[in-house]
Protein backbone atom coordinates (compact mmCIF):
# COMPACT_ATOMS: atom_id res chain seq x y z
CA MET A 1 25.67 37.64 -35.10
CA ALA A 2 22.57 38.23 -36.43
CA THR A 3 20.92 37.28 -33.34
CA LYS A 4 22.86 40.05 -31.50
CA VAL A 5 21.53 42.34 -34.30
CA LEU A 6 18.10 41.22 -33.28
CA GLU A 7 17.83 41.93 -29.61
CA LYS A 8 19.90 45.42 -30.12
CA TRP A 9 16.65 46.07 -32.61
CA LYS A 10 14.29 44.50 -29.87
CA ILE A 11 15.41 46.85 -27.20
CA ILE A 12 15.57 49.88 -29.26
CA GLU A 13 11.85 49.04 -30.23
CA GLU A 14 10.78 48.86 -26.13
CA ILE A 15 12.78 51.68 -25.94
CA ARG A 16 10.47 53.42 -28.12
CA ARG A 17 7.15 52.22 -26.99
CA GLN A 18 8.42 53.39 -23.03
CA VAL A 19 8.83 56.85 -24.77
CA ASP A 20 5.15 57.24 -26.28
CA GLY A 21 3.66 55.54 -23.57
CA ALA A 22 5.14 58.23 -21.16
CA ASN A 23 4.10 60.89 -23.36
CA ASP A 24 1.02 59.93 -23.50
CA ARG A 25 0.61 60.18 -19.78
CA MET A 26 2.84 63.48 -19.89
CA LEU A 27 3.10 66.40 -16.84
CA PRO A 28 6.22 68.18 -16.96
CA SER A 29 8.39 66.45 -14.24
CA THR A 30 9.37 70.22 -12.81
CA VAL A 31 6.20 71.36 -12.20
CA VAL A 32 6.15 73.77 -9.30
CA ARG A 33 2.44 73.26 -7.20
CA GLY A 34 1.27 76.86 -6.35
CA ARG A 35 2.58 79.16 -9.54
CA GLN A 36 2.74 78.92 -13.23
CA ASN A 37 5.26 76.74 -14.62
CA PRO A 38 6.81 78.34 -18.03
CA LEU A 39 5.00 77.67 -21.06
CA HIS A 40 7.75 76.04 -22.92
CA HIS A 41 6.91 72.70 -19.87
CA GLY A 42 4.86 70.50 -22.55
CA PHE A 43 7.00 71.00 -25.38
CA ALA A 44 7.83 67.35 -25.57
CA GLY A 45 4.43 65.73 -25.06
CA ARG A 46 3.17 68.23 -27.20
CA LEU A 47 5.60 67.33 -29.96
CA ALA A 48 4.69 63.94 -29.48
CA GLN A 49 1.00 64.56 -30.21
CA ALA A 50 1.53 66.18 -33.36
CA ARG A 51 3.90 63.44 -34.73
CA LYS A 52 1.47 60.79 -33.72
CA ALA A 53 -1.20 62.96 -35.46
CA SER A 54 1.12 63.11 -38.12
CA ARG A 55 1.81 59.19 -38.41
CA MET A 56 5.26 59.95 -38.32
CA THR A 57 7.80 57.98 -36.87
CA GLY A 58 10.33 59.55 -35.02
CA ALA A 59 12.87 58.48 -36.96
CA ALA A 60 11.20 60.01 -40.01
CA LEU A 61 10.12 63.37 -38.25
CA SER A 62 14.27 63.60 -37.79
CA LEU A 63 15.26 63.32 -41.08
CA ALA A 64 12.44 65.80 -42.63
CA VAL A 65 13.72 68.50 -40.67
CA ASN A 66 17.72 67.44 -41.00
CA MET A 67 18.62 65.99 -37.60
CA SER A 68 20.30 62.80 -36.78
CA VAL A 69 18.01 59.93 -36.82
CA ASN A 70 17.38 59.60 -33.15
CA ALA A 71 16.39 63.51 -32.40
CA ALA A 72 13.02 63.57 -32.24
CA TRP A 73 12.71 61.05 -30.04
CA GLY A 74 15.59 62.60 -27.84
CA LEU A 75 12.94 65.75 -27.59
CA GLU A 76 10.17 64.01 -27.26
CA ALA A 77 11.96 62.31 -24.25
CA GLY A 78 12.37 65.45 -22.55
CA GLY A 79 16.07 65.14 -22.15
CA ARG A 80 16.84 68.91 -23.70
CA LEU A 81 15.08 71.83 -25.14
CA PRO A 82 15.12 72.67 -29.15
CA ARG A 83 16.73 75.81 -30.20
CA LEU A 84 13.97 77.84 -32.13
CA ASP A 85 15.07 77.13 -35.52
CA THR A 86 14.52 73.70 -34.89
CA VAL A 87 10.64 74.02 -33.61
CA GLU A 88 10.04 76.46 -36.96
CA LYS A 89 11.19 73.52 -39.05
CA LEU A 90 9.44 70.74 -37.05
CA ALA A 91 5.83 72.60 -36.84
CA SER A 92 6.26 73.29 -40.88
CA VAL A 93 6.55 69.93 -41.43
CA LEU A 94 4.02 68.46 -38.92
CA LYS A 95 1.60 71.50 -40.33
CA VAL A 96 0.86 72.91 -36.40
CA SER A 97 1.62 76.30 -35.30
CA PRO A 98 5.39 76.65 -34.10
CA CYS A 99 4.07 78.48 -31.11
CA TRP A 100 1.41 76.48 -30.48
CA LEU A 101 4.29 73.38 -30.25
CA ALA A 102 7.02 75.47 -28.46
CA TYR A 103 4.55 77.11 -25.36
CA GLY A 104 1.17 75.65 -26.00
CA VAL A 105 -0.53 78.93 -27.11
CA GLU A 106 -2.97 79.43 -30.04
CA LEU A 107 -2.27 82.29 -31.65
CA PRO A 108 -4.72 82.77 -35.09
CA CYS A 109 -2.95 85.99 -35.74
CA GLU A 110 -1.31 87.72 -38.70
CA ALA A 111 2.48 87.60 -38.52
CA ALA A 112 4.11 90.77 -38.04
CA GLU A 113 6.83 92.31 -40.29
CA ASN A 114 10.35 90.42 -40.30
CA ALA A 115 8.03 87.38 -39.32
CA GLY A 116 9.59 84.25 -38.13
CA VAL A 117 12.76 83.10 -36.20
CA GLY A 118 14.89 85.08 -38.62
CA GLY A 119 13.19 88.44 -37.61
CA LEU A 120 14.36 87.57 -33.46
CA PRO A 121 17.80 89.77 -33.58
CA ALA A 122 15.85 92.88 -34.80
CA ARG A 123 13.00 92.27 -32.91
CA LEU A 124 14.89 91.98 -29.49
CA LEU A 125 17.48 94.92 -30.19
CA GLY A 126 14.53 97.36 -31.25
CA LEU A 127 12.70 96.17 -28.15
CA ARG A 128 16.03 96.62 -26.11
CA GLN A 129 16.83 100.15 -27.20
CA GLU A 130 13.24 100.93 -27.05
CA ARG A 131 12.96 100.13 -23.02
CA GLY A 132 16.41 102.09 -22.48
CA LEU A 133 18.33 99.32 -21.27
CA SER A 134 21.83 98.07 -21.58
CA ARG A 135 22.78 94.02 -22.74
CA ARG A 136 23.48 94.17 -18.53
CA GLU A 137 20.25 95.11 -17.61
CA LEU A 138 18.56 92.81 -19.74
CA GLY A 139 21.25 89.83 -19.21
CA ARG A 140 20.25 90.26 -15.55
CA MET A 141 16.81 90.98 -15.69
CA ALA A 142 16.22 87.55 -17.86
CA GLY A 143 18.73 85.76 -16.05
CA THR A 144 20.70 85.28 -18.55
CA SER A 145 24.24 87.58 -19.80
CA ASP A 146 25.29 90.18 -21.56
CA ASN A 147 26.94 88.40 -23.81
CA PHE A 148 23.66 86.04 -24.54
CA VAL A 149 21.78 89.13 -25.63
CA GLN A 150 24.40 90.56 -27.56
CA MET A 151 24.88 87.03 -29.53
CA THR A 152 21.21 87.20 -29.96
CA GLU A 153 20.58 90.88 -31.12
CA THR A 154 23.27 89.63 -33.76
CA GLY A 155 22.19 86.51 -34.58
CA THR A 156 25.70 84.91 -33.46
CA THR A 157 23.56 82.29 -31.77
CA VAL A 158 19.90 80.85 -31.80
CA PRO A 159 18.56 80.53 -28.37
CA ASN A 160 16.38 77.71 -26.73
CA ILE A 161 12.50 77.93 -26.78
CA ALA A 162 13.28 78.57 -22.73
CA LYS A 163 15.50 80.79 -22.75
CA VAL A 164 13.73 83.16 -25.21
CA GLU A 165 10.82 83.00 -22.79
CA GLN A 166 12.99 84.30 -20.18
CA LEU A 167 13.53 87.36 -22.75
CA ALA A 168 10.06 87.99 -22.97
CA LYS A 169 8.95 87.68 -19.76
CA ALA A 170 11.73 90.61 -18.48
CA LEU A 171 10.67 92.45 -21.15
CA GLN A 172 6.82 91.89 -20.32
CA VAL A 173 5.90 91.39 -23.91
CA SER A 174 4.15 88.17 -25.99
CA VAL A 175 6.54 85.12 -26.38
CA CYS A 176 5.00 84.76 -29.56
CA TRP A 177 5.78 87.75 -30.78
CA MET A 178 9.57 87.30 -29.75
CA ALA A 179 10.10 84.37 -30.59
CA PHE A 180 8.01 83.76 -34.33
CA GLY A 181 6.87 87.52 -34.64
CA LEU A 182 3.47 85.98 -34.11
CA GLY A 183 0.44 88.52 -33.34
CA SER A 184 0.77 91.75 -31.08
CA PRO A 185 3.97 92.12 -28.49
CA ASP A 186 1.21 93.51 -26.06
CA LEU A 187 0.50 91.38 -23.45
CA PRO A 188 -3.19 90.60 -23.45
CA ALA A 189 -4.73 92.02 -20.26
CA ARG A 190 -5.77 88.16 -19.39
CA ARG A 191 -3.80 85.24 -19.82
CA ARG A 192 -3.87 83.79 -23.57
CA PRO A 193 -5.51 80.20 -22.86
CA ARG A 194 -3.31 77.39 -23.32
CA SER A 195 -3.91 74.13 -25.04
CA ASP A 196 -2.44 70.52 -25.69
CA THR A 197 -4.53 70.11 -28.40
CA PRO A 198 -3.43 70.93 -32.05
CA PRO A 199 -4.84 74.21 -33.68
CA ALA A 200 -7.45 72.96 -36.39
CA PRO A 201 -5.88 73.32 -39.87
CA ALA A 202 -6.52 76.51 -41.56
CA PRO A 203 -9.19 75.64 -44.51
CA SER A 204 -7.99 75.35 -48.15
CA ALA A 205 -8.50 78.68 -50.38
């Protein structure tokens, strides 16, 4: 029995080493040559980098944000994309910007009113109405559905980082503002620089 347990742990450790090694040299597997890839494409690599910089194991990070013990490893492996609220929790524990973690965008701006994931329904509803769009129209423009837009606006569901980026692109607003209420909703005249290096922590007060 003890031999079987030891062999199982050896297999688990080997998988973890492979995951860390893959993330060290990670490039999104779905990179499309000739056009810009979505900003969320590098999330797995950024998460692995931030976790290592914090000297945390995947299990410790998972437990710190109330996820199952292997959840962080799964996210780093690129098997699925996290919801916005998960990213916000991960960023808080790892002491990095949620917008950098989700989208690779460094945005040293003040938080807007109703900032955070909890303000997403109000931001989306207000902007859609300001644009004079129906839920069906926005759903079609964003490649989702009117039901998804309604559920997001009412807070019934918390979308993942890819879906929010689709909404921001359709509405032509900053994804950092849409997702987390950071900065201005206006798109910059030039594309914001992307970075896979965590921004330096703010100096202590």
